[in-house]
């Protein structure tokens, strides 16, 4: 099943509408081609439209009607929109989608794995949708905030004489609040910036801390040429060096450490109403792009790719909250993209995906928990390439998709200066899993 960029179902790729009446189609084509004077065949009883044509014009029409292209066009109108029944084949191989689906079953994540990795799952206790965020002790050190901390209510107090002392001594503080005028703002919650690790305050729909964020967009990596010192990959700066990039506001990822139970707007994929003709309900690769808002990371683009590399579904998504930072360096999303459109809401995207992604469908992705949380969707049959290709340092570490493609398939991805491409990332996940199952089953092309 294919979808266009606006999310609408494509009956076929490049085929005519089979339900259209051939007679009606020929009439329509004559109306459009009449201006070119090369359209309708002459009949024994010429119509009013052909009476005004010259002899040469009628002769040209007669020639065009007997041309091979015209015969092909007439035959094409009879083609059914349904595909001929030939199974989809995995990109670059002779392996069918059905065979590929059967070989992926050993790599499906268990409920325990999904819960431990932070996938949205349904609780066995009260059937509520939850996801658990456990910060690894081996991850890069960042300051995190306490979710049980006291609520912050910023106030500005003015003494009766209107003077505010800048001294921090005890004498500058009033013994009592009597006679002081205090201006109270909306209650805010402290968040931790995922870029510079500073704390800032926000409400449900606005920023209370108006401060520019100075940060390093790269990661700390050991540099062998520098004596194995940890340096930032963006500017080769030391861990205590000032940032090399800036943003007008601090940002956060929208999730809190621990068990998150406030999962409003989440939906589950529905089981298929009837068994599939081929015995399986498809295999797709999924990749999403997100941008920062006051509520954290929100979905701005989603791409679904089939095993043959064809785009099944792709659309830009309009976030619920105003975008603070498009995160273009990694998402590839710009303000021009969302303005040009077409865009959809998250609810519309959920309905579109649930139309062809059933509970039995297998979804492939890299760090797919982030994509499903952004989609606010619960799906049980997932294959995560970050686990299918484990890191040699242990389960607390993960290879990036770029590293996996360079190591196993000798291909470079994510090389553009305009950010990641969701189609490229989704197609890379499919190719990695094809390589994985081929290697596990003796290599070569697998044919059903």
Protein backbone atom coordinates (compact mmCIF):
# COMPACT_ATOMS: atom_id res chain seq x y z
CA UNK A 1 0.00 0.00 0.00
CA UNK A 2 1.49 3.29 -1.05
CA UNK A 3 0.85 6.77 0.20
CA UNK A 4 1.69 10.09 -1.35
CA UNK A 5 3.50 12.97 0.32
CA UNK A 6 0.19 14.31 1.56
CA UNK A 7 -0.70 10.95 3.06
CA UNK A 8 -3.30 9.93 0.49
CA UNK A 9 -3.50 6.41 -0.85
CA UNK A 10 -1.98 5.85 -4.27
CA UNK A 11 -3.94 3.22 -6.20
CA UNK A 12 -0.98 2.57 -8.47
CA UNK A 13 2.21 4.23 -9.55
CA UNK A 14 1.83 5.89 -12.91
CA UNK A 15 -1.28 3.97 -13.94
CA UNK A 16 -4.59 5.27 -15.18
CA UNK A 17 -7.76 5.10 -13.15
CA UNK A 18 -9.25 1.66 -13.89
CA UNK A 19 -12.73 2.55 -12.77
CA UNK A 20 -13.09 5.30 -15.30
CA UNK A 21 -15.28 4.56 -18.29
CA UNK A 22 -13.19 4.42 -21.49
CA UNK A 23 -15.82 6.39 -23.34
CA UNK A 24 -15.83 9.08 -20.71
CA UNK A 25 -12.03 9.16 -20.74
CA UNK A 26 -11.88 9.62 -24.52
CA UNK A 27 -14.36 12.46 -24.30
CA UNK A 28 -12.34 14.15 -21.62
CA UNK A 29 -9.13 13.75 -23.56
CA UNK A 30 -10.71 15.21 -26.66
CA UNK A 31 -11.73 18.27 -24.73
CA UNK A 32 -8.21 18.80 -23.45
CA UNK A 33 -6.51 18.07 -26.76
CA UNK A 34 -8.92 20.02 -28.93
CA UNK A 35 -6.89 23.15 -28.39
CA UNK A 36 -3.90 21.32 -29.88
CA UNK A 37 -6.06 20.24 -32.84
CA UNK A 38 -4.83 16.66 -32.53
CA UNK A 39 -7.45 14.79 -30.66
CA UNK A 40 -10.59 13.04 -31.75
CA UNK A 41 -10.76 10.52 -34.64
CA UNK A 42 -13.05 11.44 -37.52
CA UNK A 43 -16.14 9.36 -37.90
CA UNK A 44 -18.42 8.65 -40.80
CA UNK A 45 -20.74 11.31 -39.45
CA UNK A 46 -18.48 14.15 -38.45
CA UNK A 47 -19.33 15.90 -35.22
CA UNK A 48 -19.81 19.65 -34.98
CA UNK A 49 -16.28 19.93 -33.55
CA UNK A 50 -14.69 18.34 -36.65
CA UNK A 51 -16.77 20.16 -39.24
CA UNK A 52 -14.67 23.30 -38.88
CA UNK A 53 -11.34 21.48 -39.30
CA UNK A 54 -9.36 21.62 -42.49
CA UNK A 55 -8.47 18.58 -44.55
CA UNK A 56 -4.90 18.52 -43.24
CA UNK A 57 -6.08 18.68 -39.63
CA UNK A 58 -8.42 15.73 -40.12
CA UNK A 59 -5.60 13.80 -41.80
CA UNK A 60 -3.28 14.43 -38.85
CA UNK A 61 -5.93 13.16 -36.46
CA UNK A 62 -6.36 10.02 -38.51
CA UNK A 63 -2.63 9.35 -38.36
CA UNK A 64 -2.44 9.84 -34.59
CA UNK A 65 -5.29 7.43 -33.94
CA UNK A 66 -3.40 4.66 -35.73
CA UNK A 67 -0.09 5.37 -33.98
CA UNK A 68 1.35 2.83 -31.47
CA UNK A 69 1.17 5.37 -28.64
CA UNK A 70 -2.56 5.71 -29.03
CA UNK A 71 -3.00 1.95 -28.89
CA UNK A 72 -0.89 1.75 -25.75
CA UNK A 73 -2.96 4.48 -24.15
CA UNK A 74 -6.19 2.65 -24.85
CA UNK A 75 -4.79 -0.56 -23.44
CA UNK A 76 -3.44 1.14 -20.34
CA UNK A 77 -6.85 2.34 -19.32
CA UNK A 78 -7.89 -1.28 -18.80
CA UNK A 79 -5.14 -2.01 -16.28
CA UNK A 80 -6.41 -2.76 -12.79
CA UNK A 81 -5.09 -0.62 -9.93
CA UNK A 82 -4.25 -3.74 -7.98
CA UNK A 83 -0.73 -4.94 -8.40
CA UNK A 84 -0.18 -8.02 -10.47
CA UNK A 85 0.40 -10.08 -7.32
CA UNK A 86 4.18 -10.28 -7.68
CA UNK A 87 5.70 -10.22 -4.18
CA UNK A 88 7.83 -7.31 -3.11
CA UNK A 89 11.55 -8.07 -3.21
CA UNK A 90 14.09 -6.67 -0.81
CA UNK A 91 16.30 -3.98 -2.27
CA UNK A 92 19.40 -5.39 -3.96
CA UNK A 93 18.39 -9.04 -3.50
CA UNK A 94 16.00 -11.69 -4.74
CA UNK A 95 14.60 -12.22 -1.24
CA UNK A 96 10.87 -11.69 -1.00
CA UNK A 97 9.21 -9.62 1.68
CA UNK A 98 7.51 -12.68 3.13
CA UNK A 99 10.80 -14.50 3.52
CA UNK A 100 12.39 -11.41 5.00
CA UNK A 101 9.58 -11.11 7.56
CA UNK A 102 10.06 -14.70 8.69
CA UNK A 103 13.81 -14.18 9.13
CA UNK A 104 13.23 -11.04 11.22
CA UNK A 105 11.27 -12.84 13.95
CA UNK A 106 14.35 -13.74 16.05
CA UNK A 107 15.22 -10.02 16.17
CA UNK A 108 11.83 -8.80 17.44
CA UNK A 109 12.15 -7.06 20.80
CA UNK A 110 10.52 -8.59 23.84
CA UNK A 111 8.25 -6.65 26.18
CA UNK A 112 11.02 -6.49 28.78
CA UNK A 113 13.50 -5.11 26.26
CA UNK A 114 11.05 -2.48 25.05
CA UNK A 115 10.24 -1.40 28.60
CA UNK A 116 13.92 -1.15 29.53
CA UNK A 117 14.76 0.91 26.42
CA UNK A 118 11.99 3.43 26.97
CA UNK A 119 9.51 2.27 24.34
CA UNK A 120 5.89 3.25 25.00
CA UNK A 121 4.17 0.07 26.19
CA UNK A 122 0.91 -0.89 27.83
CA UNK A 123 1.15 -1.69 31.53
CA UNK A 124 -0.01 -5.12 32.65
CA UNK A 125 -1.39 -3.68 35.88
CA UNK A 126 -3.89 -1.06 34.78
CA UNK A 127 -3.52 -1.25 30.97
CA UNK A 128 -2.23 2.33 30.97
CA UNK A 129 0.36 3.42 28.41
CA UNK A 130 3.71 4.15 30.05
CA UNK A 131 7.36 4.46 29.14
CA UNK A 132 10.35 4.23 31.43
CA UNK A 133 13.43 6.43 31.04
CA UNK A 134 16.53 5.10 32.78
CA UNK A 135 19.65 7.22 32.44
CA UNK A 136 22.66 4.99 32.04
CA UNK A 137 25.45 5.56 34.61
CA UNK A 138 27.91 5.20 31.72
CA UNK A 139 26.36 7.99 29.66
CA UNK A 140 27.98 11.40 29.42
CA UNK A 141 27.55 13.23 32.71
CA UNK A 142 24.72 15.74 32.68
CA UNK A 143 22.91 17.44 35.48
CA UNK A 144 19.36 16.19 35.81
CA UNK A 145 16.58 17.71 37.80
CA UNK A 146 14.46 16.10 40.48
CA UNK A 147 10.88 15.54 39.35
CA UNK A 148 9.81 15.72 42.99
CA UNK A 149 11.43 19.10 43.51
CA UNK A 150 9.38 21.97 44.90
CA UNK A 151 7.47 23.94 42.32
CA UNK A 152 9.19 27.18 41.36
CA UNK A 153 7.20 30.41 41.67
CA UNK A 154 9.36 33.37 40.60
CA UNK A 155 8.64 36.63 42.37
CA UNK A 156 10.10 40.11 42.34
CA UNK A 157 9.78 42.04 45.58
CA UNK A 158 10.12 45.78 46.04
CA UNK A 159 10.67 47.52 49.42
CA UNK A 160 8.33 50.37 50.48
CA UNK A 161 10.90 53.06 49.56
CA UNK A 162 11.28 51.64 46.05
CA UNK A 163 15.02 50.95 46.44
CA UNK A 164 16.45 47.49 45.64
CA UNK A 165 19.85 46.78 47.07
CA UNK A 166 22.26 44.71 45.01
CA UNK A 167 24.15 43.53 48.06
CA UNK A 168 24.03 39.88 49.02
CA UNK A 169 24.60 40.57 52.74
CA UNK A 170 22.03 39.71 55.35
CA UNK A 171 21.38 43.39 56.03
CA UNK A 172 19.88 43.82 52.57
CA UNK A 173 17.15 41.27 53.27
CA UNK A 174 14.03 42.45 55.11
CA UNK A 175 13.21 41.00 58.50
CA UNK A 176 9.59 40.60 57.42
CA UNK A 177 7.59 40.93 54.24
CA UNK A 178 5.30 43.56 55.73
CA UNK A 179 5.17 46.62 53.52
CA UNK A 180 6.83 44.88 50.58
CA UNK A 181 5.06 44.68 47.22
CA UNK A 182 5.63 41.39 45.43
CA UNK A 183 4.85 40.66 41.79
CA UNK A 184 4.12 36.97 41.21
CA UNK A 185 4.38 35.25 37.82
CA UNK A 186 2.84 32.03 36.57
CA UNK A 187 4.14 28.91 38.32
CA UNK A 188 6.89 27.23 36.32
CA UNK A 189 8.72 23.93 36.25
CA UNK A 190 12.47 23.59 36.09
CA UNK A 191 13.88 21.78 33.08
CA UNK A 192 17.44 20.89 32.19
CA UNK A 193 18.83 21.96 28.84
CA UNK A 194 19.93 18.95 26.80
CA UNK A 195 22.62 21.04 25.14
CA UNK A 196 24.40 22.96 27.89
CA UNK A 197 22.94 21.20 31.00
CA UNK A 198 21.79 24.47 32.56
CA UNK A 199 18.49 24.68 34.35
CA UNK A 200 15.68 26.87 33.05
CA UNK A 201 12.02 27.41 33.84
CA UNK A 202 8.98 26.99 31.64
CA UNK A 203 5.24 26.71 31.98
CA UNK A 204 2.97 24.55 29.88
CA UNK A 205 3.06 26.98 26.97
CA UNK A 206 5.78 29.61 27.50
CA UNK A 207 9.35 30.18 28.59
CA UNK A 208 10.02 31.96 31.87
CA UNK A 209 13.79 31.88 31.43
CA UNK A 210 14.74 34.06 28.47
CA UNK A 211 18.40 33.19 28.08
CA UNK A 212 20.57 32.30 25.12
CA UNK A 213 22.06 28.81 25.10
CA UNK A 214 25.79 28.49 24.31
CA UNK A 215 26.68 24.87 23.65
CA UNK A 216 28.71 22.28 21.74
CA UNK A 217 26.61 20.43 19.16
CA UNK A 218 29.17 17.63 18.88
CA UNK A 219 29.92 14.81 21.31
CA UNK A 220 32.87 14.16 23.56
CA UNK A 221 35.14 11.59 21.96
CA UNK A 222 38.58 10.28 22.82
CA UNK A 223 41.16 11.69 20.41
CA UNK A 224 44.12 9.30 19.89
CA UNK A 225 46.20 12.03 18.24
CA UNK A 226 45.71 14.23 21.29
CA UNK A 227 46.86 11.67 23.81
CA UNK A 228 43.38 10.09 24.07
CA UNK A 229 41.97 13.22 25.64
CA UNK A 230 38.23 13.76 25.41
CA UNK A 231 37.45 16.46 22.85
CA UNK A 232 34.24 17.69 21.27
CA UNK A 233 33.78 16.44 17.72
CA UNK A 234 32.30 19.76 16.57
CA UNK A 235 35.27 22.05 17.27
CA UNK A 236 37.88 19.82 18.94
CA UNK A 237 37.35 21.80 22.12
CA UNK A 238 38.11 20.58 25.60
CA UNK A 239 35.29 19.57 27.96
CA UNK A 240 35.50 22.90 29.82
CA UNK A 241 35.81 25.06 26.69
CA UNK A 242 33.04 27.57 25.83
CA UNK A 243 30.43 26.45 23.34
CA UNK A 244 30.84 26.86 19.60
CA UNK A 245 27.12 27.25 18.77
CA UNK A 246 24.25 29.22 20.23
CA UNK A 247 20.47 29.23 20.29
CA UNK A 248 18.06 31.90 21.45
CA UNK A 249 16.63 29.67 24.20
CA UNK A 250 17.43 26.53 26.14
CA UNK A 251 15.70 23.33 25.02
CA UNK A 252 14.74 20.00 26.54
CA UNK A 253 13.65 16.66 25.08
CA UNK A 254 10.15 16.52 26.60
CA UNK A 255 10.71 13.40 28.72
CA UNK A 256 11.47 13.03 32.39
CA UNK A 257 13.65 10.41 34.07
CA UNK A 258 11.78 7.54 35.64
CA UNK A 259 8.36 6.15 34.83
CA UNK A 260 6.28 8.44 32.64
CA UNK A 261 2.56 7.72 33.02
CA UNK A 262 1.04 10.93 31.69
CA UNK A 263 0.79 9.66 28.11
CA UNK A 264 -2.06 11.69 26.70
CA UNK A 265 -2.77 11.34 23.00
CA UNK A 266 -1.08 7.95 22.65
CA UNK A 267 -2.72 5.35 20.41
CA UNK A 268 -2.16 1.65 19.75
CA UNK A 269 -1.90 -0.03 16.39
CA UNK A 270 -4.99 -2.13 15.70
CA UNK A 271 -4.97 -5.86 14.96
CA UNK A 272 -5.93 -6.82 11.42
CA UNK A 273 -9.60 -7.65 10.98
CA UNK A 274 -8.82 -10.61 8.75
CA UNK A 275 -5.74 -12.68 7.95
CA UNK A 276 -3.50 -11.39 5.19
CA UNK A 277 -3.50 -13.17 1.85
CA UNK A 278 0.25 -13.76 2.03
CA UNK A 279 0.21 -14.69 5.71
CA UNK A 280 1.93 -11.52 6.93
CA UNK A 281 1.02 -7.84 7.19
CA UNK A 282 4.08 -6.16 5.77
CA UNK A 283 7.53 -4.97 6.82
CA UNK A 284 8.33 -1.26 6.88
CA UNK A 285 11.16 0.96 8.08
CA UNK A 286 10.22 4.09 9.99
CA UNK A 287 12.14 7.27 10.70
CA UNK A 288 10.95 10.55 12.22
CA UNK A 289 12.42 14.00 12.53
CA UNK A 290 11.70 16.23 15.51
CA UNK A 291 12.08 19.89 16.42
CA UNK A 292 12.20 21.63 19.80
CA UNK A 293 9.17 23.38 21.29
CA UNK A 294 8.31 24.53 24.78
CA UNK A 295 6.95 21.00 25.39
CA UNK A 296 10.21 19.36 24.25
CA UNK A 297 10.82 17.45 21.05
CA UNK A 298 7.77 17.30 18.78
CA UNK A 299 7.28 15.48 15.52
CA UNK A 300 7.82 17.51 12.34
CA UNK A 301 8.35 14.80 9.68
CA UNK A 302 7.68 11.09 9.29
CA UNK A 303 8.83 8.72 6.54
CA UNK A 304 7.88 5.06 6.01
CA UNK A 305 9.89 2.97 3.53
CA UNK A 306 9.11 -0.49 2.13
CA UNK A 307 11.65 -3.31 1.85
CA UNK A 308 12.22 -2.54 -1.83
CA UNK A 309 13.26 1.02 -1.00
CA UNK A 310 10.03 2.67 -2.15
CA UNK A 311 8.54 5.49 -0.09
CA UNK A 312 5.25 4.29 1.34
CA UNK A 313 4.33 7.33 3.40
CA UNK A 314 5.96 10.71 3.97
CA UNK A 315 4.62 13.99 5.24
CA UNK A 316 5.58 17.05 7.26
CA UNK A 317 3.84 17.40 10.60
CA UNK A 318 2.65 20.62 12.19
CA UNK A 319 3.53 20.61 15.92
CA UNK A 320 0.96 21.55 18.52
CA UNK A 321 3.26 24.17 20.09
CA UNK A 322 5.32 26.91 18.50
CA UNK A 323 8.78 25.78 17.41
CA UNK A 324 11.68 27.19 19.41
CA UNK A 325 14.48 25.55 17.41
CA UNK A 326 14.04 23.51 14.22
CA UNK A 327 17.16 21.46 15.06
CA UNK A 328 18.05 21.67 11.37
CA UNK A 329 21.60 20.36 11.82
CA UNK A 330 20.17 16.95 12.73
CA UNK A 331 16.53 16.97 11.59
CA UNK A 332 17.00 18.66 8.23
CA UNK A 333 13.74 20.57 8.87
CA UNK A 334 13.54 24.29 8.16
CA UNK A 335 10.83 26.88 8.55
CA UNK A 336 10.47 26.93 4.76
CA UNK A 337 9.61 23.21 4.73
CA UNK A 338 6.70 23.56 7.11
CA UNK A 339 5.52 26.76 5.46
CA UNK A 340 5.55 25.24 1.97
CA UNK A 341 3.76 22.10 3.18
CA UNK A 342 1.60 20.23 2.84
CA UNK A 343 1.52 19.51 6.57
CA UNK A 344 -0.67 17.37 8.78
CA UNK A 345 -1.45 17.23 12.47
CA UNK A 346 -0.18 14.45 14.68
CA UNK A 347 -3.69 13.01 14.96
CA UNK A 348 -4.01 12.83 11.18
CA UNK A 349 -0.65 11.10 10.88
CA UNK A 350 -1.66 8.56 13.51
CA UNK A 351 -4.83 7.74 11.58
CA UNK A 352 -2.89 7.41 8.33
CA UNK A 353 -0.29 5.06 9.79
CA UNK A 354 -2.84 2.92 11.58
CA UNK A 355 -4.56 2.44 8.24
CA UNK A 356 -1.78 0.19 6.92
CA UNK A 357 0.45 -0.50 9.94
CA UNK A 358 -1.37 -3.23 11.81
CA UNK A 359 -0.43 -4.74 15.13
CA UNK A 360 1.11 -7.67 13.23
CA UNK A 361 3.21 -5.43 10.96
CA UNK A 362 6.97 -5.41 11.59
CA UNK A 363 8.56 -1.96 11.96
CA UNK A 364 12.31 -1.48 11.60
CA UNK A 365 14.22 1.52 12.89
CA UNK A 366 17.31 2.77 14.68
CA UNK A 367 16.48 3.88 18.21
CA UNK A 368 12.85 3.37 17.30
CA UNK A 369 11.69 4.25 20.82
CA UNK A 370 12.31 7.92 20.06
CA UNK A 371 10.23 7.75 16.88
CA UNK A 372 7.32 5.95 18.53
CA UNK A 373 7.32 8.39 21.44
CA UNK A 374 7.23 11.30 18.98
CA UNK A 375 4.39 9.60 17.09
CA UNK A 376 2.67 8.80 20.40
CA UNK A 377 2.08 5.31 19.14
CA UNK A 378 2.33 1.90 20.82
CA UNK A 379 3.50 -0.94 18.59
CA UNK A 380 4.83 -4.31 19.74
CA UNK A 381 6.49 -5.84 16.65
CA UNK A 382 9.67 -3.81 16.26
CA UNK A 383 13.23 -4.51 15.16
CA UNK A 384 15.87 -2.07 16.42
CA UNK A 385 19.12 -1.98 14.46
CA UNK A 386 20.94 -0.55 17.48
CA UNK A 387 20.31 -3.88 19.25
CA UNK A 388 20.62 -6.13 16.21
CA UNK A 389 24.19 -4.81 15.88
CA UNK A 390 25.29 -4.58 19.55
CA UNK A 391 28.13 -2.40 20.73
CA UNK A 392 31.32 -4.20 21.75
CA UNK A 393 31.47 -2.21 25.02
CA UNK A 394 28.19 -3.56 26.32
CA UNK A 395 24.45 -2.93 26.27
CA UNK A 396 24.78 0.57 27.73
CA UNK A 397 26.39 1.76 24.49
CA UNK A 398 24.98 2.01 20.99
CA UNK A 399 26.49 2.46 17.58
CA UNK A 400 25.15 5.31 15.51
CA UNK A 401 23.42 4.49 12.24
CA UNK A 402 26.21 6.24 10.37
CA UNK A 403 28.81 4.01 12.04
CA UNK A 404 26.86 0.84 11.27
CA UNK A 405 26.50 1.68 7.57
CA UNK A 406 30.20 2.54 7.27
CA UNK A 407 31.32 -0.60 9.13
CA UNK A 408 29.10 -3.28 7.62
CA UNK A 409 28.00 -1.93 4.23
CA UNK A 410 30.92 0.44 3.55
CA UNK A 411 28.55 3.30 2.74
CA UNK A 412 28.55 6.87 3.96
CA UNK A 413 25.27 8.43 5.01
CA UNK A 414 24.30 11.64 6.80
CA UNK A 415 27.05 13.51 4.97
CA UNK A 416 24.97 16.49 3.91
CA UNK A 417 25.32 19.89 5.50
CA UNK A 418 21.55 20.37 5.61
CA UNK A 419 20.84 17.73 8.25
CA UNK A 420 19.67 14.14 8.16
CA UNK A 421 17.33 12.76 5.54
CA UNK A 422 14.56 10.63 7.03
CA UNK A 423 14.28 8.56 3.85
CA UNK A 424 18.02 7.86 3.83
CA UNK A 425 17.95 6.76 7.47
CA UNK A 426 14.89 4.52 7.03
CA UNK A 427 16.33 2.90 3.88
CA UNK A 428 19.62 2.33 5.70
CA UNK A 429 17.81 0.39 8.45
CA UNK A 430 16.23 -1.90 5.84
CA UNK A 431 19.58 -2.51 4.16
CA UNK A 432 21.29 -3.30 7.46
CA UNK A 433 18.69 -5.89 8.42
CA UNK A 434 18.82 -7.47 4.96
CA UNK A 435 22.59 -7.79 5.41
CA UNK A 436 22.07 -9.19 8.91
CA UNK A 437 19.64 -11.97 7.98
CA UNK A 438 21.65 -12.90 4.89
CA UNK A 439 24.79 -13.31 6.95
CA UNK A 440 22.94 -15.38 9.54
CA UNK A 441 21.60 -17.70 6.85
CA UNK A 442 24.74 -18.45 4.92
CA UNK A 443 25.04 -15.28 2.88
CA UNK A 444 24.13 -14.83 -0.74
CA UNK A 445 20.71 -14.12 -2.16
CA UNK A 446 17.85 -15.85 -0.41
CA UNK A 447 15.01 -16.88 -2.70
CA UNK A 448 11.72 -18.35 -1.57
